[in-house]
Each structure stands twice: as C-alpha cells, then as structure tokens.
Protein backbone atom coordinates (compact mmCIF):
# COMPACT_ATOMS: atom_id res chain seq x y z
CA MET A 1 -138.08 77.79 169.34
CA ALA A 2 -139.05 74.67 171.01
CA ASP A 3 -142.77 75.47 170.75
CA ARG A 4 -142.74 76.60 167.25
CA ASN A 5 -145.48 79.15 168.02
CA PHE A 6 -146.48 81.76 165.52
CA ASP A 7 -148.27 85.06 165.87
CA HIS A 8 -151.81 84.90 167.14
CA ARG A 9 -152.94 86.48 163.94
CA GLU A 10 -151.76 83.48 161.97
CA PRO A 11 -153.05 79.83 162.38
CA ASN A 12 -150.90 77.74 164.54
CA PHE A 13 -150.20 74.45 162.70
CA ASP A 14 -148.82 71.51 164.44
CA HIS A 15 -146.82 69.70 161.82
CA ARG A 16 -147.32 66.24 163.09
CA ASP A 17 -147.83 63.26 160.97
CA PRO A 18 -151.14 61.97 162.03
CA LEU A 19 -150.18 58.44 161.10
CA HIS A 20 -146.77 58.20 162.60
CA ASP A 21 -146.85 61.13 165.05
CA THR A 22 -143.75 62.47 163.62
CA PRO A 23 -143.08 65.95 162.25
CA ALA A 24 -143.82 66.28 158.67
CA GLN A 25 -140.96 66.97 156.39
CA GLY A 26 -142.46 70.11 154.85
CA ASN A 27 -144.49 68.39 152.14
CA PRO A 28 -147.01 70.98 150.90
CA TYR A 29 -149.52 68.28 149.95
CA ASP A 30 -149.60 67.10 153.57
CA GLU A 31 -150.16 70.63 154.74
CA LEU A 32 -152.98 71.01 152.34
CA GLY A 33 -154.50 67.79 153.52
CA ILE A 34 -154.38 68.89 157.12
CA LEU A 35 -156.21 72.22 156.27
CA ALA A 36 -158.99 70.18 154.46
CA GLY A 37 -159.25 67.82 157.35
CA ARG A 38 -157.89 64.78 155.57
CA PRO A 39 -154.96 62.81 156.47
CA PRO A 40 -151.82 63.18 154.25
CA VAL A 41 -151.62 61.00 151.20
CA ASP A 42 -148.81 58.40 151.14
CA TYR A 43 -147.33 58.81 147.60
CA VAL A 44 -144.93 55.89 148.02
CA LEU A 45 -145.73 53.49 145.16
CA ASP A 46 -146.27 49.96 145.80
CA ASP A 47 -143.72 47.78 144.05
CA GLU A 48 -146.19 44.90 143.78
CA ALA A 49 -148.13 47.02 141.20
CA PHE A 50 -145.47 46.45 138.67
CA ASP A 51 -145.05 42.72 139.09
CA ASP A 52 -147.84 41.68 136.65
CA GLU A 53 -146.53 42.81 133.27
CA PRO A 54 -143.76 44.93 131.94
CA TRP A 55 -144.71 48.14 130.17
CA GLU A 56 -144.80 48.00 126.40
CA PRO A 57 -145.44 50.79 123.84
CA PRO A 58 -148.76 50.51 122.06
CA ASN A 59 -148.64 48.75 118.65
CA HIS A 60 -150.45 50.83 116.13
CA ARG A 61 -149.77 48.62 113.09
CA ARG A 62 -152.45 46.58 111.50
CA ARG A 63 -151.94 42.91 112.26
CA GLY A 64 -151.69 40.58 109.22
CA ARG A 65 -150.13 43.19 106.93
CA ARG A 66 -146.75 41.97 105.41
CA ARG A 67 -143.87 44.35 105.90
CA ASN A 68 -141.84 45.50 102.82
CA ARG A 69 -138.02 44.79 103.63
CA PHE A 70 -137.12 47.79 101.69
CA ALA A 71 -139.70 50.14 103.17
CA GLY A 72 -137.26 51.52 105.65
CA LEU A 73 -134.45 52.24 103.17
CA PRO A 74 -133.95 55.72 101.76
CA ARG A 75 -134.55 56.26 98.12
CA VAL A 76 -130.83 56.59 97.33
CA ALA A 77 -130.10 53.14 98.68
CA LYS A 78 -133.01 51.72 96.74
CA GLY A 79 -131.69 53.22 93.69
CA PHE A 80 -128.15 51.65 94.14
CA ILE A 81 -129.77 48.22 94.74
CA GLY A 82 -131.72 48.58 91.59
CA LEU A 83 -128.77 49.74 89.63
CA GLY A 84 -126.64 46.80 90.98
CA ALA A 85 -129.33 44.42 89.81
CA VAL A 86 -129.40 45.89 86.30
CA LEU A 87 -125.62 45.81 86.17
CA ALA A 88 -125.48 42.16 87.33
CA PHE A 89 -128.00 41.25 84.63
CA LEU A 90 -126.04 43.07 81.92
CA TYR A 91 -122.87 41.43 83.16
CA ALA A 92 -124.36 37.99 82.99
CA GLY A 93 -125.65 38.60 79.48
CA ASP A 94 -122.31 39.90 78.36
CA ARG A 95 -120.44 36.93 79.59
CA TRP A 96 -123.05 34.51 78.05
CA ALA A 97 -122.61 36.24 74.57
CA LEU A 98 -118.87 35.92 75.04
CA LEU A 99 -118.93 32.20 75.77
CA TYR A 100 -121.24 31.66 72.86
CA THR A 101 -119.05 33.46 70.39
CA GLU A 102 -115.86 31.67 71.69
CA HIS A 103 -117.54 28.42 71.33
CA GLU A 104 -118.80 28.97 67.80
CA ALA A 105 -115.52 30.36 66.68
CA ALA A 106 -113.75 27.18 68.08
CA GLU A 107 -116.16 25.00 66.10
CA LYS A 108 -115.63 27.01 62.82
CA LEU A 109 -111.92 26.67 63.16
CA LYS A 110 -112.13 23.09 63.86
CA ASP A 111 -114.08 22.52 60.59
CA SER A 112 -111.95 24.85 58.57
CA MET A 113 -108.66 23.41 59.51
CA HIS A 114 -109.89 19.82 59.73
CA LEU A 115 -108.66 19.48 63.40
CA SER A 116 -109.56 16.46 65.51
CA THR A 117 -110.38 18.63 68.49
CA ALA A 118 -111.70 22.10 68.79
CA PRO A 119 -109.18 24.75 69.67
CA GLU A 120 -109.32 27.00 72.70
CA VAL A 121 -110.47 30.46 71.84
CA GLU A 122 -110.36 33.42 74.37
CA ILE A 123 -111.56 36.88 73.53
CA ASP A 124 -110.16 39.89 75.27
CA GLY A 125 -111.84 43.02 76.26
CA PHE A 126 -114.90 44.12 78.40
CA PRO A 127 -117.64 44.64 77.73
CA PHE A 128 -117.79 42.24 74.91
CA LEU A 129 -121.22 43.33 73.59
CA THR A 130 -120.02 46.71 72.59
CA GLN A 131 -117.33 44.89 70.44
CA ALA A 132 -119.80 42.52 69.03
CA MET A 133 -122.21 45.18 68.07
CA ASP A 134 -119.53 46.77 66.01
CA ASP A 135 -118.69 43.24 64.43
CA ARG A 136 -115.11 43.77 65.44
CA LEU A 137 -112.93 42.29 68.20
CA ASP A 138 -109.87 43.97 69.55
CA LYS A 139 -107.77 40.81 70.48
CA VAL A 140 -108.35 37.12 70.49
CA HIS A 141 -106.03 34.43 71.82
CA LEU A 142 -106.03 30.96 70.02
CA THR A 143 -104.45 27.70 71.19
CA VAL A 144 -104.56 24.61 69.05
CA PRO A 145 -103.05 21.42 70.58
CA ASP A 146 -101.66 18.34 68.72
CA VAL A 147 -101.78 19.66 65.16
CA ALA A 148 -100.61 16.95 62.66
CA ALA A 149 -97.64 18.08 60.57
CA ASP A 150 -96.14 15.40 58.47
CA ARG A 151 -94.51 12.56 60.48
CA VAL A 152 -94.76 14.51 63.73
CA SER A 153 -97.38 16.32 65.73
CA LEU A 154 -96.97 19.89 66.93
CA ALA A 155 -97.56 19.93 70.70
CA LYS A 156 -99.15 23.43 70.69
CA VAL A 157 -99.78 26.12 68.13
CA SER A 158 -100.72 29.44 69.89
CA ALA A 159 -101.51 32.78 68.21
CA THR A 160 -102.83 36.17 69.17
CA ALA A 161 -104.95 37.81 66.67
CA GLU A 162 -105.77 41.61 66.59
CA ASP A 163 -108.35 43.51 64.63
CA VAL A 164 -110.73 40.42 63.99
CA ARG A 165 -113.87 41.29 61.95
CA ILE A 166 -116.89 38.99 62.69
CA LYS A 167 -118.88 37.63 59.76
CA GLY A 168 -122.68 37.36 60.06
CA GLY A 169 -122.95 39.19 63.41
CA LEU A 170 -123.33 37.84 66.92
CA LEU A 171 -126.56 36.08 66.64
CA ASP A 172 -125.69 34.52 63.20
CA PHE A 173 -121.93 33.80 63.52
CA LYS A 174 -120.53 32.58 60.35
CA GLY A 175 -116.78 33.10 60.71
CA ALA A 176 -114.21 35.90 61.09
CA HIS A 177 -111.37 37.58 59.14
CA VAL A 178 -108.11 38.23 61.00
CA GLU A 179 -106.03 41.11 59.83
CA ASP A 180 -102.94 40.60 61.96
CA THR A 181 -101.59 37.47 63.86
CA LYS A 182 -98.55 36.63 65.79
CA GLY A 183 -97.82 33.31 67.45
CA GLU A 184 -95.56 30.41 68.02
CA VAL A 185 -95.29 26.71 67.41
CA LEU A 186 -93.79 24.09 69.81
CA LEU A 187 -92.59 20.76 68.67
CA SER A 188 -92.08 18.93 71.88
CA PHE A 189 -89.21 16.56 72.41
CA GLU A 190 -91.48 14.48 74.68
CA ASP A 191 -93.92 14.03 71.84
CA LEU A 192 -91.11 13.23 69.39
CA ASN A 193 -89.79 10.57 71.74
CA ARG A 194 -93.23 9.00 71.79
CA GLU A 195 -94.13 9.21 68.20
CA LEU A 196 -90.70 8.10 66.91
CA GLY A 197 -90.28 5.65 69.81
CA ALA A 198 -90.45 2.64 67.58
CA SER A 199 -86.73 3.03 67.28
CA GLN A 200 -86.31 3.88 71.00
CA VAL A 201 -84.67 7.11 70.17
CA THR A 202 -84.65 10.18 72.45
CA PHE A 203 -84.22 13.75 71.35
CA THR A 204 -82.65 16.47 73.46
CA GLY A 205 -81.67 20.02 72.65
CA HIS A 206 -78.04 21.14 72.24
CA GLY A 207 -77.39 24.70 71.57
CA ARG A 208 -79.72 27.02 69.77
CA ASP A 209 -80.11 24.96 66.50
CA GLN A 210 -78.93 21.47 67.23
CA VAL A 211 -80.82 18.42 68.45
CA LEU A 212 -79.05 15.20 69.65
CA ALA A 213 -80.56 11.75 69.01
CA ARG A 214 -79.52 8.89 71.24
CA GLY A 215 -80.99 5.44 71.52
CA THR A 216 -81.14 2.00 69.72
CA LEU A 217 -82.19 1.06 66.22
CA PRO A 218 -83.14 -2.50 65.36
CA VAL A 219 -81.30 -3.85 62.29
CA ALA A 220 -81.57 -7.49 61.09
CA GLY A 221 -82.54 -8.70 64.63
CA HIS A 222 -79.85 -6.72 66.31
CA ASP A 223 -80.31 -3.55 68.53
CA LEU A 224 -77.59 -1.22 67.52
CA LYS A 225 -76.62 1.85 69.51
CA LEU A 226 -77.62 4.91 67.64
CA ALA A 227 -76.12 8.43 67.92
CA ALA A 228 -76.84 11.30 65.58
CA GLU A 229 -76.97 15.14 65.41
CA ALA A 230 -79.75 17.05 63.67
CA ARG A 231 -79.34 20.70 62.76
CA ILE A 232 -82.58 22.69 62.64
CA LYS A 233 -83.24 25.39 60.04
CA ARG A 234 -86.12 26.93 58.16
CA SER A 235 -87.40 25.56 54.99
CA GLY A 236 -89.14 28.27 53.04
CA GLN A 237 -91.86 30.28 54.58
CA HIS A 238 -93.93 27.43 56.07
CA GLY A 239 -91.58 24.50 57.00
CA ILE A 240 -88.70 23.38 59.10
CA SER A 241 -85.92 20.92 57.83
CA THR A 242 -83.37 18.98 59.61
CA GLU A 243 -79.87 18.18 58.43
CA ILE A 244 -78.77 15.04 59.98
CA GLY A 245 -75.05 14.42 60.58
CA GLY A 246 -72.71 12.41 62.81
CA MET A 247 -74.80 9.27 62.43
CA ARG A 248 -73.20 6.19 63.81
CA LEU A 249 -74.45 2.69 64.85
CA GLY A 250 -72.49 0.71 67.24
CA ILE A 251 -72.32 -3.10 67.07
CA GLY A 252 -71.49 -3.55 70.80
CA ASP A 253 -67.71 -2.79 71.25
CA LEU A 254 -66.73 -4.64 68.19
CA ALA A 255 -67.40 -2.08 65.31
CA THR A 256 -69.15 1.16 64.35
CA TYR A 257 -71.14 1.69 61.27
CA ARG A 258 -71.37 5.19 59.62
CA PRO A 259 -73.63 5.39 56.47
CA GLY A 260 -72.04 6.98 53.44
CA THR A 261 -69.35 6.34 50.83
CA LYS A 262 -66.45 8.37 52.23
CA GLU A 263 -63.41 6.74 53.49
CA SER A 264 -64.36 7.33 57.11
CA GLN A 265 -67.76 5.96 56.53
CA GLY A 266 -68.86 2.30 56.41
CA LEU A 267 -68.17 -0.47 58.98
CA HIS A 268 -64.98 -0.07 60.94
CA LEU A 269 -63.42 -1.88 63.98
CA THR A 270 -63.24 0.17 67.15
CA ARG A 271 -59.97 0.83 68.60
CA SER A 272 -60.37 -1.63 71.42
CA SER A 273 -61.41 -4.42 69.13
CA ALA A 274 -58.52 -3.75 66.71
CA SER A 275 -56.05 -3.81 69.54
CA ASP A 276 -57.45 -7.07 70.84
CA LEU A 277 -57.57 -8.57 67.35
CA ARG A 278 -53.85 -8.48 66.90
CA LYS A 279 -53.29 -10.79 69.93
CA GLU A 280 -55.59 -13.48 68.32
CA THR A 281 -53.42 -15.29 65.79
CA ASP A 282 -56.23 -17.13 63.93
CA LYS A 283 -58.18 -13.95 63.32
CA VAL A 284 -55.11 -12.08 62.02
CA LYS A 285 -54.31 -14.85 59.68
CA ALA A 286 -57.93 -14.88 58.52
CA LEU A 287 -57.59 -11.19 57.55
CA PHE A 288 -54.30 -11.75 55.81
CA ALA A 289 -55.92 -14.46 53.67
CA VAL A 290 -58.02 -11.73 52.06
CA PRO A 291 -55.93 -9.95 49.39
CA ALA A 292 -58.20 -6.80 49.52
CA ILE A 293 -57.46 -6.37 53.20
CA VAL A 294 -53.70 -6.89 52.62
CA ASP A 295 -53.75 -4.26 49.99
CA ARG A 296 -55.67 -1.85 52.25
CA LEU A 297 -53.11 -2.51 55.13
CA GLY A 298 -50.20 -1.70 52.83
CA VAL A 299 -48.31 -4.81 53.95
CA PRO A 300 -45.90 -6.39 51.33
CA ALA A 301 -46.89 -9.76 50.18
CA SER A 302 -43.44 -11.12 51.29
CA ALA A 303 -44.03 -9.99 54.74
CA VAL A 304 -47.42 -11.54 54.75
CA ARG A 305 -46.09 -14.97 53.69
CA GLN A 306 -43.39 -14.91 56.42
CA ALA A 307 -46.02 -13.93 58.99
CA MET A 308 -48.33 -16.82 57.96
CA HIS A 309 -45.59 -19.30 58.71
CA SER A 310 -43.83 -17.70 61.65
CA GLU A 311 -45.48 -16.56 64.93
CA GLN A 312 -42.56 -14.24 65.73
CA LYS A 313 -42.91 -12.49 62.32
CA LEU A 314 -46.69 -12.32 62.80
CA HIS A 315 -46.23 -10.49 66.15
CA GLU A 316 -43.69 -8.23 64.71
CA LEU A 317 -46.00 -7.27 61.91
CA THR A 318 -49.02 -6.70 64.05
CA GLY A 319 -47.32 -5.21 67.20
CA SER A 320 -46.95 -1.75 65.97
CA ALA A 321 -49.39 1.06 66.67
CA ARG A 322 -49.54 1.74 63.05
CA PHE A 323 -51.02 -1.68 62.35
CA VAL A 324 -53.94 -0.75 64.68
CA ARG A 325 -54.60 2.47 63.01
CA ASP A 326 -54.50 0.95 59.42
CA LEU A 327 -56.77 -1.92 60.64
CA MET A 328 -59.33 0.64 61.97
CA LYS A 329 -59.42 2.32 58.47
CA ILE A 330 -60.56 -0.82 56.60
CA ASN A 331 -64.28 -0.75 55.60
CA LEU A 332 -65.25 -4.41 56.51
CA ILE A 333 -68.41 -4.25 54.36
CA ASP A 334 -66.34 -3.67 51.19
CA ALA A 335 -63.34 -5.84 52.25
CA ALA A 336 -65.42 -8.75 53.36
CA THR A 337 -67.64 -8.99 50.25
CA GLY A 338 -67.62 -12.68 49.20
CA HIS A 339 -65.90 -13.80 52.46
CA PRO A 340 -68.69 -14.57 54.86
CA ALA A 341 -66.38 -16.86 56.70
CA LEU A 342 -64.19 -13.94 57.57
CA LEU A 343 -67.24 -12.05 59.10
CA LYS A 344 -68.10 -15.01 61.27
CA LYS A 345 -64.43 -15.25 62.21
CA LEU A 346 -64.50 -11.70 63.46
CA GLY A 347 -67.75 -12.20 65.29
CA LEU A 348 -69.93 -10.34 62.77
CA ASP A 349 -73.29 -11.69 61.56
CA PRO A 350 -73.43 -11.61 57.71
CA ALA A 351 -77.17 -10.95 57.87
CA LEU A 352 -76.26 -7.70 59.95
CA LEU A 353 -73.90 -6.52 57.31
CA ASP A 354 -76.55 -7.01 54.59
CA GLY A 355 -79.00 -4.98 56.61
CA LEU A 356 -76.35 -2.21 57.18
CA ALA A 357 -75.67 -2.08 53.49
CA LYS A 358 -79.26 -1.58 52.65
CA LEU A 359 -79.53 1.10 55.46
CA THR A 360 -78.43 4.02 53.28
CA LYS A 361 -77.70 7.53 54.72
CA PRO A 362 -80.91 9.05 53.28
CA GLU A 363 -83.03 6.21 54.67
CA LEU A 364 -81.49 6.56 58.11
CA ALA A 365 -81.67 10.34 58.02
CA ASP A 366 -85.38 10.10 57.16
CA ARG A 367 -85.98 8.04 60.25
CA LEU A 368 -84.45 10.74 62.35
CA SER A 369 -85.88 13.69 60.46
CA LEU A 370 -87.76 16.30 62.62
CA GLY A 371 -88.84 18.55 59.81
CA PHE A 372 -92.39 19.47 59.30
CA GLN A 373 -94.59 21.82 57.19
CA LEU A 374 -97.31 24.07 58.71
CA PRO A 375 -100.86 22.94 57.70
CA LYS A 376 -102.55 24.93 55.15
CA LEU A 377 -104.65 27.64 56.74
CA PRO A 378 -108.12 28.54 55.48
CA GLY A 379 -108.78 31.27 53.04
CA ASP A 380 -105.99 33.26 51.23
CA GLY A 381 -104.23 34.30 54.49
CA VAL A 382 -100.35 34.18 54.69
CA VAL A 383 -98.52 32.73 57.55
CA SER A 384 -94.66 32.69 57.61
CA LEU A 385 -92.05 31.31 60.00
CA LYS A 386 -89.85 34.08 61.48
CA ASP A 387 -87.56 32.36 63.80
CA VAL A 388 -86.45 28.77 64.95
CA LYS A 389 -84.92 28.07 68.21
CA VAL A 390 -84.02 24.83 70.07
CA GLU A 391 -84.92 24.88 73.70
CA LYS A 392 -84.99 22.43 76.50
CA GLU A 393 -88.54 21.32 75.94
CA GLY A 394 -88.45 21.31 72.26
CA ILE A 395 -88.13 23.22 68.97
CA ARG A 396 -89.97 26.62 69.20
CA VAL A 397 -90.89 28.49 66.02
CA ARG A 398 -92.15 32.05 65.92
CA LEU A 399 -94.70 32.83 63.22
CA GLU A 400 -96.52 35.78 61.75
CA GLY A 401 -99.56 36.01 59.68
CA TYR A 402 -102.11 38.49 58.00
CA GLY A 403 -105.35 38.28 56.06
CA ILE A 404 -106.56 35.03 57.51
CA SER A 405 -110.16 34.14 57.03
CA PHE A 406 -112.28 31.14 58.24
CA GLY A 407 -115.86 30.23 57.99
CA LYS A 408 -118.25 31.38 55.33
C-alpha cells in the first residue's frame, strides 16, 4: 500500500504535513484543519510563556484584616486551652493562699512562743483552698531552729501536727488549734561545744545514754585536763537531766584531782610521779616531815627516824611497790593543809590547790550539765518527752503533744 489510495467514492487525503512535508501522525485536529483549508495548528507550547511569573492561586482574603490565631483550631482544642488557663489561674491562687497562711502561722508562732526568728511552716495537701474553706488542715510540718532552753540552745525542734483547726478563717487568720502532735528535739554536740566553749570542752556520744566530755578547764591560772562522763535521762515530762560522773582534772603528769569527799577523791599523785618521787631524797624527807602523811602511809615513827638519818634505810623504806601504792592514796589537799612549803617542794602551786578546794563537785557538775527544760508552749496544750537517745550528732528526744493552741 505504497500509494495509500482509497475507494473512488471516498475522498483521497494526502496526509502530508504542509509545513514540514512529512506525513502527519494521525492527529484528528490536523485532519480537520486540512478539510477546512487551514494549516494544522502547532500545539507545542512555548516555554518562554512561563518565564515571566510563577502561577499562584488567587487570594480571596480581604487585605488588612488581622487573622485570629485560634480561628483554625477545632472547638474541642479551644475548650482544652480555656480549661488549662482556668486551672492555671486556680492553681496560682491556691499556692498564693497557701504561702500566705504559712507566713501568718509562722508569725503567730513566733509571737506566741517568744522566738527570735520565725519558724518554718509547711502545710501538706492539695488543693489547699478546699481545706481552708473548711477551716481545717490535714497535716502541718513545723521546724523551729535555735530554741533557747536553759544554758543551752536546742539546734532544732521539729513537729508534725495533724487535725489543725484554723481560727478566724483564711482571710482573717488569728491562730490555730492543734489536736495531735508528734516531733523531736535535737541538742547538737556542735552547738554544745560552741556554747560551752569557754572551758574548751568537747562533747561526744558514747552509747545510747552517755556523753563524754573532754578538754581543758582553767583553774587559778592553770589549764587542767578535764575528763568526765554525763549520763542522760528524762527529768519529768518536759526536761532532760544529766548525771555527771567520773570527773577528773589532770595537773600535767604530776597529780589528778577528783572532786568529792570519798577516799578515792581529792588530789592524788599519779603512778608515774609517785614512782619518780621515791628517787628524790629531799622530797621524800619533806613528806616524812609531815606527821599526817606519815600516819597515812602507816610507817612506824622509829623507821621514819632511821630513814631521815640513813640514805640506805630511806631507800629500803621507799623501794617497795607498796610504798608507791600507799603514796598514791594520800589526798594532798588534806595532808598539805598548813604546809605550803611541802606543796612547793612537790611542784604544786598553793593557789591551784585553793582553787581546787573551792571547785566543789556540784559546781563542776553544773559546768558540764547538758540538762534542759522544754520552753512553755502557748495555751493549755500538753507536750511530753517520750524517749531520749544519744546519737553521733547530739542528743535526740522524741516528744508528743495534744491540745496545743496559739494565736487569739
């Protein structure tokens, strides 16, 4: 079919492209153009027509009108945002009311208990406003630092109060009534060492109920080594007492003073100084020159006369271990009364012995006393001490109370 001829009854079209003289590709628009006597239309778009501006969709908004940032959000989302704003406002109001009540309660406690600083008050429970509207708080934590108690200061008094009734309401807070309270008191060793530091004494815990005191004590211009034990116990419902025992003051390595009237108490030579003394002839003779000391030693008068005139007899008399033990038993304060020369001979200051004689056991015990009484609480409330325990950091006391009121 090289001629591509058709039946004589049908028009014979020559499918030639009039512009390029090439057969058409069967485009029906070209064929219609040929029938109409028009050249075929070239539908190839010119790329240069798109170089001017990119196409953009028409803008039907009114210019100058401000867009609402929430306009595109669904109603549920808007509801959540509004609810969140209301809840944030209520939360801020609840916290403000809580802080206000805590501050007012702290000031009322400060005035009622005559404290130097306001205590820390922390109210539990959320929300607070629902409790305040009922004029009742579920639980309140209270911390009072540095409470004066007799000669010492309590490092911390902390308590947890339950079932607290507010007086006057939230906006006119006048005080509170505490039905039940549990807490504890801490008497810090660090504070004791600072407050009783005039005597340079430090306190440390020893066991459950014992405190050791170690340091120096000035007496008549001499710094004496101090050692004592204090046993801690309750004193009634509101106080702590200390029983001081084992008190001793060391005068260097020469002698030890124990206040009291018993035979083991008083001023006694140490074992090392008694052993060294028997080697010094002049000091031994000075001792034998005092009849009271000779009687205490239990040495016959004839033996003393021989020892005073014979070095050999003197060494025989003082060379035994028994002589050292007997010499340590002599109370030098009693034996040396009226013999100041003997004290100087032994290396003791007479003024020091006068100071020790005036330092009675009660006076010394009072200097080391750690006892205290809880301060009187406002109102008719009752607070009692339940347990006393010595710990590493100090003396801790557990307490309970009820019916405590403060404010008007």
